[in-house]
Amino acid sequence: SNGATSTYVCRTVVEHCYFENTGPGDSEVISV
């Protein structure tokens, strides 16, 4: 989502993901 919908209930599950050397793209690997 984004800041404009910060009060919305979404219930996403992010699981079993592997993040390596992604930081230079954006320091927020996962942005909730």
PDB file of all heavy atoms in Angstrom:
ATOM      1  N   SER A   1       0.831  -1.202   0.000  1.00  0.00           N
ATOM      2  CA  SER A   1       0.000   0.000   0.000  1.00  0.00           C
ATOM      3  C   SER A   1       0.870   1.258   0.000  1.00  0.00           C
ATOM      4  O   SER A   1       2.015   1.240  -0.421  1.00  0.00           O
ATOM      5  CB  SER A   1      -0.973  -0.023   1.187  1.00  0.00           C
ATOM      6  OG  SER A   1      -1.955   0.973   1.032  1.00  0.00           O
ATOM      7  N   ASN A   2       0.308   2.390   0.454  1.00  0.00           N
ATOM      8  CA  ASN A   2       1.050   3.643   0.549  1.00  0.00           C
ATOM      9  C   ASN A   2       0.490   4.469   1.696  1.00  0.00           C
ATOM     10  O   ASN A   2      -0.514   4.118   2.305  1.00  0.00           O
ATOM     11  CB  ASN A   2       1.000   4.415  -0.775  1.00  0.00           C
ATOM     12  CG  ASN A   2      -0.410   4.711  -1.220  1.00  0.00           C
ATOM     13  OD1 ASN A   2      -1.187   5.304  -0.465  1.00  0.00           O
ATOM     14  ND2 ASN A   2      -0.764   4.322  -2.430  1.00  0.00           N
ATOM     15  N   GLY A   3       1.147   5.576   1.993  1.00  0.00           N
ATOM     16  CA  GLY A   3       0.773   6.358   3.161  1.00  0.00           C
ATOM     17  C   GLY A   3      -0.663   6.852   3.151  1.00  0.00           C
ATOM     18  O   GLY A   3      -1.285   7.031   4.204  1.00  0.00           O
ATOM     19  N   ALA A   4      -1.218   7.069   1.954  1.00  0.00           N
ATOM     20  CA  ALA A   4      -2.586   7.580   1.870  1.00  0.00           C
ATOM     21  C   ALA A   4      -3.617   6.584   2.383  1.00  0.00           C
ATOM     22  O   ALA A   4      -4.730   6.966   2.750  1.00  0.00           O
ATOM     23  CB  ALA A   4      -2.909   7.956   0.417  1.00  0.00           C
ATOM     24  N   THR A   5      -3.249   5.300   2.402  1.00  0.00           N
ATOM     25  CA  THR A   5      -4.182   4.266   2.854  1.00  0.00           C
ATOM     26  C   THR A   5      -3.715   3.619   4.152  1.00  0.00           C
ATOM     27  O   THR A   5      -3.976   2.447   4.415  1.00  0.00           O
ATOM     28  CB  THR A   5      -4.344   3.194   1.764  1.00  0.00           C
ATOM     29  OG1 THR A   5      -3.052   2.663   1.451  1.00  0.00           O
ATOM     30  CG2 THR A   5      -4.960   3.774   0.507  1.00  0.00           C
ATOM     31  N   SER A   6      -3.016   4.388   4.974  1.00  0.00           N
ATOM     32  CA  SER A   6      -2.396   3.825   6.174  1.00  0.00           C
ATOM     33  C   SER A   6      -3.410   3.264   7.165  1.00  0.00           C
ATOM     34  O   SER A   6      -3.054   2.430   7.997  1.00  0.00           O
ATOM     35  CB  SER A   6      -1.539   4.884   6.871  1.00  0.00           C
ATOM     36  OG  SER A   6      -2.337   5.975   7.304  1.00  0.00           O
ATOM     37  N   THR A   7      -4.663   3.681   7.101  1.00  0.00           N
ATOM     38  CA  THR A   7      -5.666   3.175   8.031  1.00  0.00           C
ATOM     39  C   THR A   7      -6.393   1.947   7.494  1.00  0.00           C
ATOM     40  O   THR A   7      -7.225   1.368   8.193  1.00  0.00           O
ATOM     41  CB  THR A   7      -6.699   4.261   8.353  1.00  0.00           C
ATOM     42  OG1 THR A   7      -7.379   4.647   7.139  1.00  0.00           O
ATOM     43  CG2 THR A   7      -6.048   5.478   8.981  1.00  0.00           C
ATOM     44  N   TYR A   8      -6.085   1.523   6.276  1.00  0.00           N
ATOM     45  CA  TYR A   8      -6.775   0.376   5.691  1.00  0.00           C
ATOM     46  C   TYR A   8      -6.247  -0.922   6.295  1.00  0.00           C
ATOM     47  O   TYR A   8      -5.045  -1.070   6.533  1.00  0.00           O
ATOM     48  CB  TYR A   8      -6.558   0.335   4.179  1.00  0.00           C
ATOM     49  CG  TYR A   8      -7.273   1.399   3.391  1.00  0.00           C
ATOM     50  CD1 TYR A   8      -7.737   2.569   3.985  1.00  0.00           C
ATOM     51  CD2 TYR A   8      -7.470   1.243   2.028  1.00  0.00           C
ATOM     52  CE1 TYR A   8      -8.385   3.547   3.245  1.00  0.00           C
ATOM     53  CE2 TYR A   8      -8.113   2.208   1.266  1.00  0.00           C
ATOM     54  CZ  TYR A   8      -8.573   3.375   1.887  1.00  0.00           C
ATOM     55  OH  TYR A   8      -9.202   4.336   1.146  1.00  0.00           O
ATOM     56  N   VAL A   9      -7.139  -1.888   6.498  1.00  0.00           N
ATOM     57  CA  VAL A   9      -6.764  -3.215   6.966  1.00  0.00           C
ATOM     58  C   VAL A   9      -6.563  -4.116   5.753  1.00  0.00           C
ATOM     59  O   VAL A   9      -7.453  -4.229   4.908  1.00  0.00           O
ATOM     60  CB  VAL A   9      -7.843  -3.800   7.892  1.00  0.00           C
ATOM     61  CG1 VAL A   9      -7.533  -5.255   8.226  1.00  0.00           C
ATOM     62  CG2 VAL A   9      -7.950  -2.974   9.165  1.00  0.00           C
ATOM     63  N   CYS A  10      -5.392  -4.743   5.667  1.00  0.00           N
ATOM     64  CA  CYS A  10      -5.058  -5.524   4.461  1.00  0.00           C
ATOM     65  C   CYS A  10      -4.765  -6.997   4.761  1.00  0.00           C
ATOM     66  O   CYS A  10      -5.175  -7.863   4.025  1.00  0.00           O
ATOM     67  CB  CYS A  10      -3.864  -4.880   3.772  1.00  0.00           C
ATOM     68  SG  CYS A  10      -3.384  -5.665   2.236  1.00  0.00           S
ATOM     69  N   ARG A  11      -4.048  -7.279   5.833  1.00  0.00           N
ATOM     70  CA  ARG A  11      -3.721  -8.645   6.263  1.00  0.00           C
ATOM     71  C   ARG A  11      -2.948  -9.434   5.215  1.00  0.00           C
ATOM     72  O   ARG A  11      -3.339 -10.524   4.806  1.00  0.00           O
ATOM     73  CB  ARG A  11      -4.990  -9.390   6.688  1.00  0.00           C
ATOM     74  CG  ARG A  11      -5.597  -8.798   7.946  1.00  0.00           C
ATOM     75  CD  ARG A  11      -6.824  -9.511   8.445  1.00  0.00           C
ATOM     76  NE  ARG A  11      -7.367  -8.808   9.598  1.00  0.00           N
ATOM     77  CZ  ARG A  11      -8.597  -8.956  10.062  1.00  0.00           C
ATOM     78  NH1 ARG A  11      -9.424  -9.790   9.465  1.00  0.00           N
ATOM     79  NH2 ARG A  11      -8.997  -8.285  11.108  1.00  0.00           N
ATOM     80  N   THR A  12      -1.849  -8.878   4.797  1.00  0.00           N
ATOM     81  CA  THR A  12      -0.908  -9.584   3.925  1.00  0.00           C
ATOM     82  C   THR A  12       0.091 -10.360   4.783  1.00  0.00           C
ATOM     83  O   THR A  12       0.546  -9.864   5.812  1.00  0.00           O
ATOM     84  CB  THR A  12      -0.140  -8.585   3.047  1.00  0.00           C
ATOM     85  OG1 THR A  12      -1.065  -7.896   2.219  1.00  0.00           O
ATOM     86  CG2 THR A  12       0.894  -9.267   2.186  1.00  0.00           C
ATOM     87  N   VAL A  13       0.447 -11.560   4.350  1.00  0.00           N
ATOM     88  CA  VAL A  13       1.504 -12.337   4.986  1.00  0.00           C
ATOM     89  C   VAL A  13       2.665 -12.438   4.010  1.00  0.00           C
ATOM     90  O   VAL A  13       2.510 -12.916   2.885  1.00  0.00           O
ATOM     91  CB  VAL A  13       1.015 -13.748   5.371  1.00  0.00           C
ATOM     92  CG1 VAL A  13       2.156 -14.550   5.983  1.00  0.00           C
ATOM     93  CG2 VAL A  13      -0.147 -13.659   6.349  1.00  0.00           C
ATOM     94  N   VAL A  14       3.850 -11.956   4.422  1.00  0.00           N
ATOM     95  CA  VAL A  14       5.073 -12.091   3.629  1.00  0.00           C
ATOM     96  C   VAL A  14       5.938 -13.124   4.342  1.00  0.00           C
ATOM     97  O   VAL A  14       6.412 -12.881   5.448  1.00  0.00           O
ATOM     98  CB  VAL A  14       5.822 -10.752   3.510  1.00  0.00           C
ATOM     99  CG1 VAL A  14       7.088 -10.929   2.677  1.00  0.00           C
ATOM    100  CG2 VAL A  14       4.926  -9.681   2.905  1.00  0.00           C
ATOM    101  N   GLU A  15       6.145 -14.278   3.700  1.00  0.00           N
ATOM    102  CA  GLU A  15       6.846 -15.361   4.391  1.00  0.00           C
ATOM    103  C   GLU A  15       7.773 -16.116   3.449  1.00  0.00           C
ATOM    104  O   GLU A  15       7.565 -16.160   2.234  1.00  0.00           O
ATOM    105  CB  GLU A  15       5.855 -16.331   5.028  1.00  0.00           C
ATOM    106  CG  GLU A  15       4.943 -17.034   4.042  1.00  0.00           C
ATOM    107  CD  GLU A  15       3.966 -17.980   4.705  1.00  0.00           C
ATOM    108  OE1 GLU A  15       3.883 -17.992   5.954  1.00  0.00           O
ATOM    109  OE2 GLU A  15       3.289 -18.718   3.971  1.00  0.00           O
ATOM    110  N   HIS A  16       8.824 -16.714   4.034  1.00  0.00           N
ATOM    111  CA  HIS A  16       9.778 -17.569   3.322  1.00  0.00           C
ATOM    112  C   HIS A  16      10.404 -16.874   2.119  1.00  0.00           C
ATOM    113  O   HIS A  16      10.632 -17.499   1.083  1.00  0.00           O
ATOM    114  CB  HIS A  16       9.102 -18.874   2.894  1.00  0.00           C
ATOM    115  CG  HIS A  16       8.522 -19.656   4.031  1.00  0.00           C
ATOM    116  ND1 HIS A  16       9.303 -20.201   5.025  1.00  0.00           N
ATOM    117  CD2 HIS A  16       7.233 -19.947   4.357  1.00  0.00           C
ATOM    118  CE1 HIS A  16       8.521 -20.824   5.892  1.00  0.00           C
ATOM    119  NE2 HIS A  16       7.275 -20.665   5.521  1.00  0.00           N
ATOM    120  N   CYS A  17      10.679 -15.586   2.251  1.00  0.00           N
ATOM    121  CA  CYS A  17      11.344 -14.830   1.192  1.00  0.00           C
ATOM    122  C   CYS A  17      12.819 -14.620   1.544  1.00  0.00           C
ATOM    123  O   CYS A  17      13.176 -14.497   2.711  1.00  0.00           O
ATOM    124  CB  CYS A  17      10.662 -13.473   0.987  1.00  0.00           C
ATOM    125  SG  CYS A  17       8.982 -13.596   0.354  1.00  0.00           S
ATOM    126  N   TYR A  18      13.650 -14.550   0.507  1.00  0.00           N
ATOM    127  CA  TYR A  18      15.100 -14.433   0.660  1.00  0.00           C
ATOM    128  C   TYR A  18      15.541 -13.134  -0.005  1.00  0.00           C
ATOM    129  O   TYR A  18      15.320 -12.935  -1.197  1.00  0.00           O
ATOM    130  CB  TYR A  18      15.749 -15.634  -0.017  1.00  0.00           C
ATOM    131  CG  TYR A  18      17.255 -15.661  -0.043  1.00  0.00           C
ATOM    132  CD1 TYR A  18      17.982 -16.285   0.963  1.00  0.00           C
ATOM    133  CD2 TYR A  18      17.959 -15.111  -1.114  1.00  0.00           C
ATOM    134  CE1 TYR A  18      19.364 -16.348   0.913  1.00  0.00           C
ATOM    135  CE2 TYR A  18      19.344 -15.168  -1.171  1.00  0.00           C
ATOM    136  CZ  TYR A  18      20.040 -15.788  -0.154  1.00  0.00           C
ATOM    137  OH  TYR A  18      21.413 -15.847  -0.198  1.00  0.00           O
ATOM    138  N   PHE A  19      16.135 -12.239   0.799  1.00  0.00           N
ATOM    139  CA  PHE A  19      16.559 -10.925   0.307  1.00  0.00           C
ATOM    140  C   PHE A  19      18.076 -10.820   0.439  1.00  0.00           C
ATOM    141  O   PHE A  19      18.611 -10.945   1.540  1.00  0.00           O
ATOM    142  CB  PHE A  19      15.899  -9.802   1.100  1.00  0.00           C
ATOM    143  CG  PHE A  19      14.395  -9.843   1.074  1.00  0.00           C
ATOM    144  CD1 PHE A  19      13.688 -10.478   2.083  1.00  0.00           C
ATOM    145  CD2 PHE A  19      13.678  -9.260   0.038  1.00  0.00           C
ATOM    146  CE1 PHE A  19      12.305 -10.522   2.065  1.00  0.00           C
ATOM    147  CE2 PHE A  19      12.299  -9.304   0.011  1.00  0.00           C
ATOM    148  CZ  PHE A  19      11.602  -9.936   1.020  1.00  0.00           C
ATOM    149  N   GLU A  20      18.756 -10.564  -0.669  1.00  0.00           N
ATOM    150  CA  GLU A  20      20.210 -10.471  -0.659  1.00  0.00           C
ATOM    151  C   GLU A  20      20.648  -9.356  -1.602  1.00  0.00           C
ATOM    152  O   GLU A  20      20.258  -9.317  -2.768  1.00  0.00           O
ATOM    153  CB  GLU A  20      20.833 -11.797  -1.094  1.00  0.00           C
ATOM    154  CG  GLU A  20      22.351 -11.778  -1.077  1.00  0.00           C
ATOM    155  CD  GLU A  20      22.955 -13.155  -1.322  1.00  0.00           C
ATOM    156  OE1 GLU A  20      22.213 -14.086  -1.676  1.00  0.00           O
ATOM    157  OE2 GLU A  20      24.178 -13.278  -1.151  1.00  0.00           O
ATOM    158  N   ASN A  21      21.447  -8.415  -1.060  1.00  0.00           N
ATOM    159  CA  ASN A  21      22.021  -7.336  -1.860  1.00  0.00           C
ATOM    160  C   ASN A  21      20.951  -6.518  -2.580  1.00  0.00           C
ATOM    161  O   ASN A  21      21.130  -6.094  -3.716  1.00  0.00           O
ATOM    162  CB  ASN A  21      23.021  -7.904  -2.877  1.00  0.00           C
ATOM    163  CG  ASN A  21      23.947  -6.828  -3.421  1.00  0.00           C
ATOM    164  OD1 ASN A  21      24.245  -5.844  -2.747  1.00  0.00           O
ATOM    165  ND2 ASN A  21      24.393  -7.003  -4.643  1.00  0.00           N
ATOM    166  N   THR A  22      19.850  -6.260  -1.914  1.00  0.00           N
ATOM    167  CA  THR A  22      18.796  -5.421  -2.494  1.00  0.00           C
ATOM    168  C   THR A  22      18.816  -4.002  -1.949  1.00  0.00           C
ATOM    169  O   THR A  22      18.133  -3.126  -2.474  1.00  0.00           O
ATOM    170  CB  THR A  22      17.399  -6.014  -2.214  1.00  0.00           C
ATOM    171  OG1 THR A  22      17.118  -5.902  -0.809  1.00  0.00           O
ATOM    172  CG2 THR A  22      17.309  -7.459  -2.642  1.00  0.00           C
ATOM    173  N   GLY A  23      19.593  -3.757  -0.902  1.00  0.00           N
ATOM    174  CA  GLY A  23      19.581  -2.465  -0.230  1.00  0.00           C
ATOM    175  C   GLY A  23      19.860  -1.265  -1.120  1.00  0.00           C
ATOM    176  O   GLY A  23      19.228  -0.218  -0.964  1.00  0.00           O
ATOM    177  N   PRO A  24      20.795  -1.356  -2.082  1.00  0.00           N
ATOM    178  CA  PRO A  24      21.057  -0.183  -2.932  1.00  0.00           C
ATOM    179  C   PRO A  24      19.861   0.265  -3.768  1.00  0.00           C
ATOM    180  O   PRO A  24      19.808   1.401  -4.211  1.00  0.00           O
ATOM    181  CB  PRO A  24      22.205  -0.680  -3.827  1.00  0.00           C
ATOM    182  CG  PRO A  24      22.897  -1.706  -3.015  1.00  0.00           C
ATOM    183  CD  PRO A  24      21.798  -2.420  -2.277  1.00  0.00           C
ATOM    184  N   GLY A  25      18.902  -0.648  -4.015  1.00  0.00           N
ATOM    185  CA  GLY A  25      17.710  -0.238  -4.757  1.00  0.00           C
ATOM    186  C   GLY A  25      16.835   0.678  -3.934  1.00  0.00           C
ATOM    187  O   GLY A  25      16.373   1.718  -4.397  1.00  0.00           O
ATOM    188  N   ASP A  26      16.560   0.298  -2.724  1.00  0.00           N
ATOM    189  CA  ASP A  26      15.812   1.109  -1.769  1.00  0.00           C
ATOM    190  C   ASP A  26      16.063   0.486  -0.406  1.00  0.00           C
ATOM    191  O   ASP A  26      15.962  -0.721  -0.262  1.00  0.00           O
ATOM    192  CB  ASP A  26      14.310   1.104  -2.093  1.00  0.00           C
ATOM    193  CG  ASP A  26      13.535   2.115  -1.251  1.00  0.00           C
ATOM    194  OD1 ASP A  26      13.651   2.076  -0.016  1.00  0.00           O
ATOM    195  OD2 ASP A  26      12.817   2.933  -1.836  1.00  0.00           O
ATOM    196  N   SER A  27      16.407   1.273   0.579  1.00  0.00           N
ATOM    197  CA  SER A  27      16.771   0.699   1.872  1.00  0.00           C
ATOM    198  C   SER A  27      15.617  -0.060   2.523  1.00  0.00           C
ATOM    199  O   SER A  27      15.832  -0.842   3.437  1.00  0.00           O
ATOM    200  CB  SER A  27      17.251   1.798   2.823  1.00  0.00           C
ATOM    201  OG  SER A  27      16.226   2.739   3.071  1.00  0.00           O
ATOM    202  N   GLU A  28      14.389   0.159   2.049  1.00  0.00           N
ATOM    203  CA  GLU A  28      13.239  -0.573   2.576  1.00  0.00           C
ATOM    204  C   GLU A  28      13.033  -1.837   1.744  1.00  0.00           C
ATOM    205  O   GLU A  28      12.417  -1.816   0.689  1.00  0.00           O
ATOM    206  CB  GLU A  28      11.994   0.312   2.569  1.00  0.00           C
ATOM    207  CG  GLU A  28      12.128   1.536   3.453  1.00  0.00           C
ATOM    208  CD  GLU A  28      10.885   2.413   3.452  1.00  0.00           C
ATOM    209  OE1 GLU A  28       9.876   2.019   2.853  1.00  0.00           O
ATOM    210  OE2 GLU A  28      10.934   3.498   4.056  1.00  0.00           O
ATOM    211  N   VAL A  29      13.570  -2.942   2.231  1.00  0.00           N
ATOM    212  CA  VAL A  29      13.389  -4.220   1.549  1.00  0.00           C
ATOM    213  C   VAL A  29      11.908  -4.578   1.514  1.00  0.00           C
ATOM    214  O   VAL A  29      11.360  -4.958   0.482  1.00  0.00           O
ATOM    215  CB  VAL A  29      14.198  -5.312   2.267  1.00  0.00           C
ATOM    216  CG1 VAL A  29      13.914  -6.679   1.667  1.00  0.00           C
ATOM    217  CG2 VAL A  29      15.680  -4.999   2.204  1.00  0.00           C
ATOM    218  N   ILE A  30      11.260  -4.475   2.671  1.00  0.00           N
ATOM    219  CA  ILE A  30       9.805  -4.599   2.767  1.00  0.00           C
ATOM    220  C   ILE A  30       9.298  -3.305   3.389  1.00  0.00           C
ATOM    221  O   ILE A  30       9.769  -2.908   4.457  1.00  0.00           O
ATOM    222  CB  ILE A  30       9.368  -5.783   3.639  1.00  0.00           C
ATOM    223  CG1 ILE A  30       9.954  -7.098   3.126  1.00  0.00           C
ATOM    224  CG2 ILE A  30       7.839  -5.877   3.689  1.00  0.00           C
ATOM    225  CD1 ILE A  30       9.655  -8.290   4.019  1.00  0.00           C
ATOM    226  N   SER A  31       8.356  -2.650   2.741  1.00  0.00           N
ATOM    227  CA  SER A  31       7.795  -1.399   3.255  1.00  0.00           C
ATOM    228  C   SER A  31       6.317  -1.611   3.542  1.00  0.00           C
ATOM    229  O   SER A  31       5.515  -1.824   2.628  1.00  0.00           O
ATOM    230  CB  SER A  31       7.973  -0.276   2.230  1.00  0.00           C
ATOM    231  OG  SER A  31       7.534   0.950   2.769  1.00  0.00           O
ATOM    232  N   VAL A  32       5.974  -1.599   4.821  1.00  0.00           N
ATOM    233  CA  VAL A  32       4.589  -1.807   5.244  1.00  0.00           C
ATOM    234  C   VAL A  32       3.945  -0.451   5.483  1.00  0.00           C
ATOM    235  O   VAL A  32       4.431   0.332   6.298  1.00  0.00           O
ATOM    236  CB  VAL A  32       4.539  -2.666   6.518  1.00  0.00           C
ATOM    237  CG1 VAL A  32       3.115  -2.790   7.023  1.00  0.00           C
ATOM    238  CG2 VAL A  32       5.140  -4.041   6.258  1.00  0.00           C
TER     239      VAL A  32
END
